[in-house]
Amino acid sequence: MAAALSHAAGHERYEVREILEGQALGHEVRHECRDYVQAVEFAFEFLQRRDPDREGVVHALEVVKVDGRHRETVWSYDHEREQGRLDPVRKWGYDVTRSWSGPARPVTRPTFGRLQQRRA
């Protein structure tokens, strides 16, 4: 269970919660921290550890920002919703999650020698 952080006014915290399938109440708090990036990193690591092939072992996760009495879901993962997404390669024609370095061979640029000679 996650260690409880101080709930002082003005100090927001982030909870990583696992939503168990078929459970209406009592989402399991898996981690608490004061940094959004750390919370999302924990969520991805938790997902990779528990369900590396995304088979639905982890039904859903969410990162909830808690600021006093105000709660807001700032990041979420839902296995069923992810299954319905179109593969990026099929949608865009290339893998948008990888960096693109340009063509494998140098591009031959057209020369405008005649135009440049006339102007000179």
N, C-alpha and C. Protein backbone atom coordinates (compact mmCIF):
# COMPACT_ATOMS: atom_id res chain seq x y z
N MET A 1 0.85 -1.17 0.00
CA MET A 1 0.00 0.00 0.00
C MET A 1 0.89 1.24 0.00
N ALA A 2 0.45 2.27 -0.61
CA ALA A 2 1.22 3.50 -0.73
C ALA A 2 1.30 4.22 0.61
N ALA A 3 2.43 4.81 0.86
CA ALA A 3 2.60 5.58 2.10
C ALA A 3 1.83 6.89 1.98
N ALA A 4 1.19 7.29 3.06
CA ALA A 4 0.38 8.51 3.05
C ALA A 4 1.29 9.73 3.08
N LEU A 5 0.97 10.72 2.23
CA LEU A 5 1.70 11.98 2.20
C LEU A 5 0.96 13.01 3.03
N SER A 6 1.65 14.06 3.39
CA SER A 6 1.03 15.15 4.15
C SER A 6 -0.08 15.78 3.32
N HIS A 7 -1.17 16.12 3.95
CA HIS A 7 -2.32 16.72 3.27
C HIS A 7 -2.44 18.21 3.58
N ALA A 8 -1.32 18.88 3.75
CA ALA A 8 -1.34 20.31 4.06
C ALA A 8 -1.93 21.09 2.90
N ALA A 9 -2.61 22.18 3.23
CA ALA A 9 -3.23 23.03 2.21
C ALA A 9 -2.16 23.56 1.27
N GLY A 10 -2.49 23.57 -0.02
CA GLY A 10 -1.56 24.09 -1.01
C GLY A 10 -0.55 23.07 -1.50
N HIS A 11 -0.57 21.89 -0.95
CA HIS A 11 0.35 20.84 -1.38
C HIS A 11 -0.44 19.76 -2.10
N GLU A 12 -0.38 19.79 -3.41
CA GLU A 12 -1.10 18.79 -4.18
C GLU A 12 -0.31 17.48 -4.18
N ARG A 13 -1.03 16.40 -4.39
CA ARG A 13 -0.40 15.10 -4.49
C ARG A 13 -1.08 14.32 -5.61
N TYR A 14 -0.45 13.28 -6.04
CA TYR A 14 -0.97 12.45 -7.12
C TYR A 14 -1.08 11.02 -6.63
N GLU A 15 -2.21 10.41 -6.88
CA GLU A 15 -2.44 9.02 -6.52
C GLU A 15 -2.55 8.20 -7.80
N VAL A 16 -1.84 7.08 -7.84
CA VAL A 16 -1.98 6.14 -8.95
C VAL A 16 -2.93 5.07 -8.44
N ARG A 17 -4.07 4.94 -9.10
CA ARG A 17 -5.11 4.01 -8.65
C ARG A 17 -5.34 2.95 -9.71
N GLU A 18 -5.46 1.70 -9.25
CA GLU A 18 -5.83 0.61 -10.14
C GLU A 18 -7.32 0.38 -9.98
N ILE A 19 -8.02 0.36 -11.10
CA ILE A 19 -9.46 0.12 -11.08
C ILE A 19 -9.64 -1.35 -11.43
N LEU A 20 -10.13 -2.09 -10.47
CA LEU A 20 -10.30 -3.53 -10.65
C LEU A 20 -11.60 -3.81 -11.37
N GLU A 21 -11.57 -4.72 -12.32
CA GLU A 21 -12.74 -5.05 -13.13
C GLU A 21 -13.87 -5.58 -12.25
N GLY A 22 -15.06 -5.03 -12.46
CA GLY A 22 -16.23 -5.47 -11.71
C GLY A 22 -16.34 -4.90 -10.32
N GLN A 23 -15.43 -4.02 -9.94
CA GLN A 23 -15.47 -3.44 -8.60
C GLN A 23 -15.90 -1.98 -8.71
N ALA A 24 -17.08 -1.68 -8.21
CA ALA A 24 -17.64 -0.34 -8.35
C ALA A 24 -16.96 0.67 -7.43
N LEU A 25 -16.60 0.27 -6.25
CA LEU A 25 -16.00 1.18 -5.27
C LEU A 25 -14.64 0.68 -4.83
N GLY A 26 -13.89 1.56 -4.20
CA GLY A 26 -12.64 1.15 -3.57
C GLY A 26 -11.51 0.87 -4.53
N HIS A 27 -11.24 1.82 -5.43
CA HIS A 27 -10.09 1.65 -6.32
C HIS A 27 -8.84 1.52 -5.45
N GLU A 28 -7.94 0.65 -5.85
CA GLU A 28 -6.73 0.39 -5.09
C GLU A 28 -5.68 1.45 -5.37
N VAL A 29 -5.26 2.18 -4.33
CA VAL A 29 -4.19 3.16 -4.47
C VAL A 29 -2.87 2.40 -4.48
N ARG A 30 -2.14 2.50 -5.58
CA ARG A 30 -0.89 1.76 -5.75
C ARG A 30 0.33 2.62 -5.43
N HIS A 31 0.18 3.94 -5.53
CA HIS A 31 1.33 4.82 -5.31
C HIS A 31 0.83 6.24 -5.05
N GLU A 32 1.55 6.97 -4.22
CA GLU A 32 1.28 8.40 -3.98
C GLU A 32 2.59 9.15 -4.09
N CYS A 33 2.54 10.34 -4.68
CA CYS A 33 3.71 11.19 -4.78
C CYS A 33 3.28 12.63 -4.99
N ARG A 34 4.23 13.54 -5.06
CA ARG A 34 3.91 14.96 -5.25
C ARG A 34 4.25 15.46 -6.64
N ASP A 35 4.64 14.56 -7.53
CA ASP A 35 5.06 14.97 -8.86
C ASP A 35 4.27 14.21 -9.92
N TYR A 36 3.68 14.93 -10.86
CA TYR A 36 2.87 14.33 -11.92
C TYR A 36 3.69 13.35 -12.76
N VAL A 37 4.88 13.76 -13.17
CA VAL A 37 5.72 12.92 -14.03
C VAL A 37 6.06 11.62 -13.32
N GLN A 38 6.40 11.69 -12.05
CA GLN A 38 6.72 10.50 -11.28
C GLN A 38 5.50 9.57 -11.20
N ALA A 39 4.32 10.14 -11.03
CA ALA A 39 3.10 9.33 -10.95
C ALA A 39 2.83 8.60 -12.26
N VAL A 40 2.97 9.30 -13.39
CA VAL A 40 2.73 8.68 -14.69
C VAL A 40 3.80 7.63 -14.98
N GLU A 41 5.05 7.91 -14.63
CA GLU A 41 6.11 6.91 -14.80
C GLU A 41 5.82 5.66 -13.99
N PHE A 42 5.36 5.83 -12.75
CA PHE A 42 5.00 4.67 -11.93
C PHE A 42 3.88 3.89 -12.60
N ALA A 43 2.88 4.58 -13.13
CA ALA A 43 1.75 3.92 -13.78
C ALA A 43 2.22 3.08 -14.97
N PHE A 44 3.10 3.64 -15.81
CA PHE A 44 3.62 2.89 -16.95
C PHE A 44 4.45 1.69 -16.50
N GLU A 45 5.29 1.89 -15.48
CA GLU A 45 6.10 0.78 -14.96
C GLU A 45 5.20 -0.30 -14.37
N PHE A 46 4.16 0.09 -13.64
CA PHE A 46 3.22 -0.85 -13.04
C PHE A 46 2.53 -1.64 -14.15
N LEU A 47 2.10 -0.96 -15.19
CA LEU A 47 1.43 -1.61 -16.31
C LEU A 47 2.39 -2.58 -17.02
N GLN A 48 3.62 -2.15 -17.21
CA GLN A 48 4.61 -3.02 -17.88
C GLN A 48 4.95 -4.24 -17.02
N ARG A 49 5.01 -4.06 -15.71
CA ARG A 49 5.31 -5.17 -14.80
C ARG A 49 4.17 -6.17 -14.73
N ARG A 50 2.95 -5.67 -14.57
CA ARG A 50 1.79 -6.54 -14.35
C ARG A 50 1.15 -7.06 -15.62
N ASP A 51 1.21 -6.30 -16.71
CA ASP A 51 0.53 -6.70 -17.95
C ASP A 51 1.36 -6.27 -19.16
N PRO A 52 2.56 -6.87 -19.34
CA PRO A 52 3.45 -6.42 -20.41
C PRO A 52 2.87 -6.61 -21.82
N ASP A 53 2.04 -7.60 -22.02
CA ASP A 53 1.47 -7.84 -23.35
C ASP A 53 0.10 -7.20 -23.53
N ARG A 54 -0.34 -6.41 -22.56
CA ARG A 54 -1.63 -5.71 -22.58
C ARG A 54 -2.78 -6.67 -22.89
N GLU A 55 -2.85 -7.74 -22.07
CA GLU A 55 -3.89 -8.75 -22.24
C GLU A 55 -5.11 -8.48 -21.38
N GLY A 56 -5.08 -7.45 -20.57
CA GLY A 56 -6.22 -7.12 -19.72
C GLY A 56 -6.05 -7.53 -18.28
N VAL A 57 -4.84 -7.98 -17.89
CA VAL A 57 -4.58 -8.31 -16.49
C VAL A 57 -4.81 -7.06 -15.64
N VAL A 58 -4.33 -5.93 -16.15
CA VAL A 58 -4.63 -4.63 -15.52
C VAL A 58 -5.81 -4.06 -16.30
N HIS A 59 -6.96 -4.00 -15.64
CA HIS A 59 -8.18 -3.53 -16.30
C HIS A 59 -8.10 -2.03 -16.61
N ALA A 60 -7.72 -1.24 -15.61
CA ALA A 60 -7.63 0.21 -15.81
C ALA A 60 -6.75 0.83 -14.72
N LEU A 61 -6.13 1.95 -15.07
CA LEU A 61 -5.32 2.74 -14.14
C LEU A 61 -5.70 4.20 -14.32
N GLU A 62 -5.52 4.96 -13.26
CA GLU A 62 -5.72 6.40 -13.38
C GLU A 62 -4.79 7.12 -12.41
N VAL A 63 -4.38 8.30 -12.80
CA VAL A 63 -3.62 9.19 -11.93
C VAL A 63 -4.58 10.30 -11.53
N VAL A 64 -4.77 10.44 -10.22
CA VAL A 64 -5.70 11.43 -9.69
C VAL A 64 -4.91 12.51 -8.97
N LYS A 65 -5.13 13.76 -9.36
CA LYS A 65 -4.52 14.90 -8.68
C LYS A 65 -5.43 15.27 -7.51
N VAL A 66 -4.86 15.30 -6.31
CA VAL A 66 -5.62 15.63 -5.11
C VAL A 66 -5.05 16.93 -4.56
N ASP A 67 -5.90 17.95 -4.51
CA ASP A 67 -5.49 19.26 -3.99
C ASP A 67 -6.54 19.68 -2.97
N GLY A 68 -6.25 19.42 -1.72
CA GLY A 68 -7.24 19.66 -0.67
C GLY A 68 -8.40 18.70 -0.83
N ARG A 69 -9.59 19.22 -1.04
CA ARG A 69 -10.76 18.37 -1.24
C ARG A 69 -11.08 18.15 -2.71
N HIS A 70 -10.38 18.83 -3.58
CA HIS A 70 -10.62 18.73 -5.02
C HIS A 70 -9.82 17.55 -5.60
N ARG A 71 -10.51 16.69 -6.37
CA ARG A 71 -9.88 15.55 -7.03
C ARG A 71 -10.13 15.65 -8.53
N GLU A 72 -9.09 15.36 -9.30
CA GLU A 72 -9.21 15.43 -10.76
C GLU A 72 -8.38 14.32 -11.39
N THR A 73 -8.97 13.55 -12.28
CA THR A 73 -8.23 12.53 -13.02
C THR A 73 -7.44 13.23 -14.11
N VAL A 74 -6.11 13.07 -14.07
CA VAL A 74 -5.24 13.78 -15.02
C VAL A 74 -4.60 12.85 -16.04
N TRP A 75 -4.72 11.55 -15.84
CA TRP A 75 -4.20 10.56 -16.79
C TRP A 75 -4.95 9.27 -16.55
N SER A 76 -5.23 8.53 -17.62
CA SER A 76 -5.93 7.25 -17.42
C SER A 76 -5.57 6.25 -18.51
N TYR A 77 -5.70 4.99 -18.17
CA TYR A 77 -5.52 3.87 -19.10
C TYR A 77 -6.69 2.92 -18.86
N ASP A 78 -7.32 2.50 -19.93
CA ASP A 78 -8.43 1.54 -19.85
C ASP A 78 -8.20 0.49 -20.92
N HIS A 79 -8.04 -0.76 -20.51
CA HIS A 79 -7.72 -1.83 -21.44
C HIS A 79 -8.75 -1.95 -22.56
N GLU A 80 -10.02 -1.91 -22.24
CA GLU A 80 -11.07 -2.05 -23.25
C GLU A 80 -11.03 -0.92 -24.27
N ARG A 81 -10.81 0.29 -23.80
CA ARG A 81 -10.74 1.44 -24.70
C ARG A 81 -9.51 1.36 -25.61
N GLU A 82 -8.39 0.87 -25.06
CA GLU A 82 -7.17 0.74 -25.85
C GLU A 82 -7.32 -0.31 -26.95
N GLN A 83 -8.11 -1.36 -26.69
CA GLN A 83 -8.31 -2.41 -27.68
C GLN A 83 -9.03 -1.87 -28.91
N GLY A 84 -9.86 -0.85 -28.74
CA GLY A 84 -10.62 -0.29 -29.84
C GLY A 84 -9.85 0.71 -30.68
N ARG A 85 -8.66 1.09 -30.26
CA ARG A 85 -7.88 2.08 -31.01
C ARG A 85 -7.28 1.48 -32.27
N LEU A 86 -7.24 2.27 -33.30
CA LEU A 86 -6.65 1.87 -34.56
C LEU A 86 -5.13 1.90 -34.45
N ASP A 87 -4.48 0.91 -35.03
CA ASP A 87 -3.02 0.83 -35.03
C ASP A 87 -2.47 2.08 -35.73
N PRO A 88 -1.51 2.80 -35.10
CA PRO A 88 -0.98 4.02 -35.70
C PRO A 88 -0.38 3.81 -37.09
N VAL A 89 0.22 2.65 -37.33
CA VAL A 89 0.81 2.39 -38.65
C VAL A 89 -0.30 2.32 -39.69
N ARG A 90 -1.42 1.71 -39.35
CA ARG A 90 -2.54 1.64 -40.30
C ARG A 90 -3.20 3.00 -40.48
N LYS A 91 -3.22 3.80 -39.43
CA LYS A 91 -3.88 5.10 -39.52
C LYS A 91 -3.02 6.14 -40.23
N TRP A 92 -1.74 6.23 -39.86
CA TRP A 92 -0.88 7.29 -40.37
C TRP A 92 0.10 6.82 -41.45
N GLY A 93 0.29 5.51 -41.57
CA GLY A 93 1.22 5.01 -42.58
C GLY A 93 2.63 4.80 -42.06
N TYR A 94 2.90 5.18 -40.83
CA TYR A 94 4.21 4.96 -40.21
C TYR A 94 4.01 4.95 -38.70
N ASP A 95 5.02 4.47 -37.97
CA ASP A 95 4.92 4.38 -36.52
C ASP A 95 5.20 5.76 -35.92
N VAL A 96 4.15 6.41 -35.44
CA VAL A 96 4.28 7.78 -34.92
C VAL A 96 4.99 7.83 -33.58
N THR A 97 5.22 6.69 -32.95
CA THR A 97 5.89 6.67 -31.65
C THR A 97 7.41 6.63 -31.79
N ARG A 98 7.90 6.48 -33.00
CA ARG A 98 9.35 6.45 -33.23
C ARG A 98 9.78 7.70 -33.97
N SER A 99 11.00 8.13 -33.68
CA SER A 99 11.49 9.34 -34.35
C SER A 99 11.80 9.03 -35.81
N TRP A 100 11.65 10.02 -36.65
CA TRP A 100 11.88 9.88 -38.07
C TRP A 100 13.16 10.61 -38.41
N SER A 101 14.05 9.95 -39.12
CA SER A 101 15.34 10.56 -39.42
C SER A 101 15.49 10.98 -40.87
N GLY A 102 14.45 10.88 -41.65
CA GLY A 102 14.52 11.29 -43.04
C GLY A 102 14.84 10.12 -43.96
N PRO A 103 15.02 10.39 -45.24
CA PRO A 103 15.29 9.32 -46.20
C PRO A 103 16.63 8.65 -45.93
N ALA A 104 16.74 7.38 -46.33
CA ALA A 104 17.96 6.61 -46.09
C ALA A 104 19.12 7.10 -46.97
N ARG A 105 18.83 7.62 -48.15
CA ARG A 105 19.88 8.10 -49.05
C ARG A 105 19.71 9.61 -49.23
N PRO A 106 20.78 10.29 -49.59
CA PRO A 106 20.66 11.74 -49.78
C PRO A 106 19.69 12.08 -50.91
N VAL A 107 18.99 13.14 -50.74
CA VAL A 107 18.04 13.60 -51.74
C VAL A 107 18.80 14.43 -52.77
N THR A 108 18.57 14.13 -54.05
CA THR A 108 19.18 14.91 -55.13
C THR A 108 18.29 16.11 -55.38
N ARG A 109 18.82 17.25 -55.13
CA ARG A 109 18.06 18.48 -55.31
C ARG A 109 18.26 19.00 -56.74
N PRO A 110 17.22 19.54 -57.32
CA PRO A 110 17.37 20.07 -58.69
C PRO A 110 18.30 21.29 -58.69
N THR A 111 19.03 21.41 -59.75
CA THR A 111 19.91 22.58 -59.87
C THR A 111 19.28 23.57 -60.83
N PHE A 112 19.49 24.79 -60.55
CA PHE A 112 18.93 25.86 -61.36
C PHE A 112 20.06 26.70 -61.95
N GLY A 113 21.06 26.01 -62.50
CA GLY A 113 22.25 26.68 -63.04
C GLY A 113 21.93 27.71 -64.11
N ARG A 114 21.07 27.36 -65.04
CA ARG A 114 20.74 28.27 -66.14
C ARG A 114 20.04 29.52 -65.61
N LEU A 115 19.14 29.36 -64.67
CA LEU A 115 18.45 30.51 -64.11
C LEU A 115 19.41 31.42 -63.38
N GLN A 116 20.34 30.83 -62.65
CA GLN A 116 21.29 31.64 -61.89
C GLN A 116 22.26 32.36 -62.82
N GLN A 117 22.63 31.72 -63.94
CA GLN A 117 23.57 32.37 -64.87
C GLN A 117 22.91 33.58 -65.54
N ARG A 118 21.62 33.47 -65.86
CA ARG A 118 20.92 34.59 -66.51
C ARG A 118 20.82 35.79 -65.59
N ARG A 119 20.60 35.54 -64.33
CA ARG A 119 20.43 36.63 -63.38
C ARG A 119 21.74 37.32 -63.07
N ALA A 120 22.84 36.63 -63.20
CA ALA A 120 24.14 37.20 -62.84
C ALA A 120 24.66 38.20 -63.80
